[in-house]
Amino acid sequence: MSTLTSTNVIRRSVQLSIAAALLVTASVSAQADEISISNTVAALEQNMTQASQEMISNVKQELMLSLQTQIAEQVFEINSALEFASFEQPQISTTVAAENK
């Protein structure tokens, strides 16, 4: 019986050792996964922040270009209207002066 008992003890010890090894391995894997997930989340946050900053910068540039274009168009229209008005003014004056004679 002592051989059977010692075999059972050895078998039980081996099973407990395997179980402990599996638990340690699982725990290390879980910690590695947690670290990996944390690193992935941090990288995603950094990429999203960088992409957002680039998008905001692009929007600012496009807005400034749009405003500059609109201002340039309005200045051109005003200048054209002033040139047209100054071109028409002498003709009107000449016509009025000729009618008054």
Protein backbone atom coordinates (compact mmCIF):
# COMPACT_ATOMS: atom_id res chain seq x y z
CA MET A 1 0.00 0.00 0.00
CA SER A 2 2.83 2.31 0.57
CA THR A 3 3.81 2.05 -3.12
CA LEU A 4 0.27 2.88 -4.13
CA THR A 5 0.16 5.80 -1.71
CA SER A 6 3.50 7.20 -2.85
CA THR A 7 2.43 6.81 -6.49
CA ASN A 8 -0.76 8.70 -5.71
CA VAL A 9 1.22 11.39 -3.93
CA ILE A 10 3.61 11.71 -6.86
CA ARG A 11 0.74 11.73 -9.33
CA ARG A 12 -1.10 14.32 -7.25
CA SER A 13 2.06 16.43 -6.98
CA VAL A 14 2.61 16.27 -10.74
CA GLN A 15 -1.01 17.25 -11.37
CA LEU A 16 -0.76 20.16 -8.95
CA SER A 17 2.53 21.23 -10.54
CA ILE A 18 0.98 21.14 -14.01
CA ALA A 19 -2.05 23.06 -12.75
CA ALA A 20 0.19 25.64 -11.08
CA ALA A 21 2.28 25.96 -14.24
CA LEU A 22 -0.87 26.45 -16.31
CA LEU A 23 -2.16 29.09 -13.90
CA VAL A 24 1.15 30.95 -13.94
CA THR A 25 1.28 30.78 -17.74
CA ALA A 26 -2.32 31.96 -18.02
CA SER A 27 -1.67 34.77 -15.57
CA VAL A 28 1.42 35.92 -17.47
CA SER A 29 -0.48 35.71 -20.76
CA ALA A 30 -3.36 37.70 -19.30
CA GLN A 31 -0.95 40.36 -18.04
CA ALA A 32 0.77 40.42 -21.42
CA ASP A 33 -2.61 40.76 -23.13
CA GLU A 34 -3.55 43.55 -20.74
CA ILE A 35 -0.27 45.35 -21.46
CA SER A 36 -0.76 44.73 -25.17
CA ILE A 37 -4.30 46.11 -25.02
CA SER A 38 -3.11 49.14 -23.05
CA ASN A 39 -0.38 49.77 -25.61
CA THR A 40 -2.86 49.37 -28.46
CA VAL A 41 -5.35 51.76 -26.85
CA ALA A 42 -2.58 54.30 -26.22
CA ALA A 43 -1.40 54.03 -29.83
CA LEU A 44 -4.98 54.43 -31.10
CA GLU A 45 -5.51 57.50 -28.92
CA GLN A 46 -2.26 59.02 -30.16
CA ASN A 47 -3.14 58.31 -33.81
CA MET A 48 -6.64 59.73 -33.39
CA THR A 49 -5.26 62.86 -31.74
CA GLN A 50 -2.72 63.34 -34.50
CA ALA A 51 -5.33 62.77 -37.21
CA SER A 52 -7.71 65.22 -35.53
CA GLN A 53 -5.00 67.88 -35.32
CA GLU A 54 -4.15 67.39 -39.00
CA MET A 55 -7.82 67.63 -39.96
CA ILE A 56 -8.25 70.83 -37.94
CA SER A 57 -5.13 72.29 -39.56
CA ASN A 58 -6.42 71.40 -43.04
CA VAL A 59 -9.83 72.89 -42.29
CA LYS A 60 -8.19 76.12 -41.07
CA GLN A 61 -6.11 76.36 -44.24
CA GLU A 62 -9.10 75.71 -46.50
CA LEU A 63 -11.22 78.21 -44.58
CA MET A 64 -8.52 80.88 -44.89
CA LEU A 65 -8.15 80.22 -48.62
CA SER A 66 -11.91 80.38 -49.08
CA LEU A 67 -12.14 83.68 -47.19
CA GLN A 68 -9.22 85.14 -49.15
CA THR A 69 -10.87 84.10 -52.41
CA GLN A 70 -14.21 85.63 -51.39
CA ILE A 71 -12.51 88.88 -50.32
CA ALA A 72 -10.53 89.03 -53.58
CA GLU A 73 -13.74 88.49 -55.60
CA GLN A 74 -15.55 91.24 -53.69
CA VAL A 75 -12.63 93.65 -54.10
CA PHE A 76 -12.56 92.89 -57.84
CA GLU A 77 -16.33 93.50 -58.10
CA ILE A 78 -16.03 96.80 -56.22
CA ASN A 79 -13.10 97.91 -58.39
CA SER A 80 -15.01 96.93 -61.53
CA ALA A 81 -18.07 98.84 -60.35
CA LEU A 82 -15.96 101.91 -59.53
CA GLU A 83 -14.25 101.77 -62.93
CA PHE A 84 -17.62 101.42 -64.64
CA ALA A 85 -19.00 104.33 -62.62
CA SER A 86 -15.99 106.52 -63.38
CA PHE A 87 -16.22 105.60 -67.08
CA GLU A 88 -19.95 106.42 -67.18
CA GLN A 89 -19.61 109.68 -65.22
CA PRO A 90 -17.81 111.74 -67.92
CA GLN A 91 -20.28 110.60 -70.59
CA ILE A 92 -23.21 111.67 -68.46
CA SER A 93 -21.53 115.03 -67.72
CA THR A 94 -20.83 115.55 -71.41
CA THR A 95 -24.42 114.70 -72.32
CA VAL A 96 -25.85 117.00 -69.65
CA ALA A 97 -23.49 119.82 -70.65
CA ALA A 98 -24.47 119.45 -74.33
CA GLU A 99 -28.18 119.53 -73.44
CA ASN A 100 -27.74 122.69 -71.34
CA LYS A 101 -26.21 124.66 -74.28
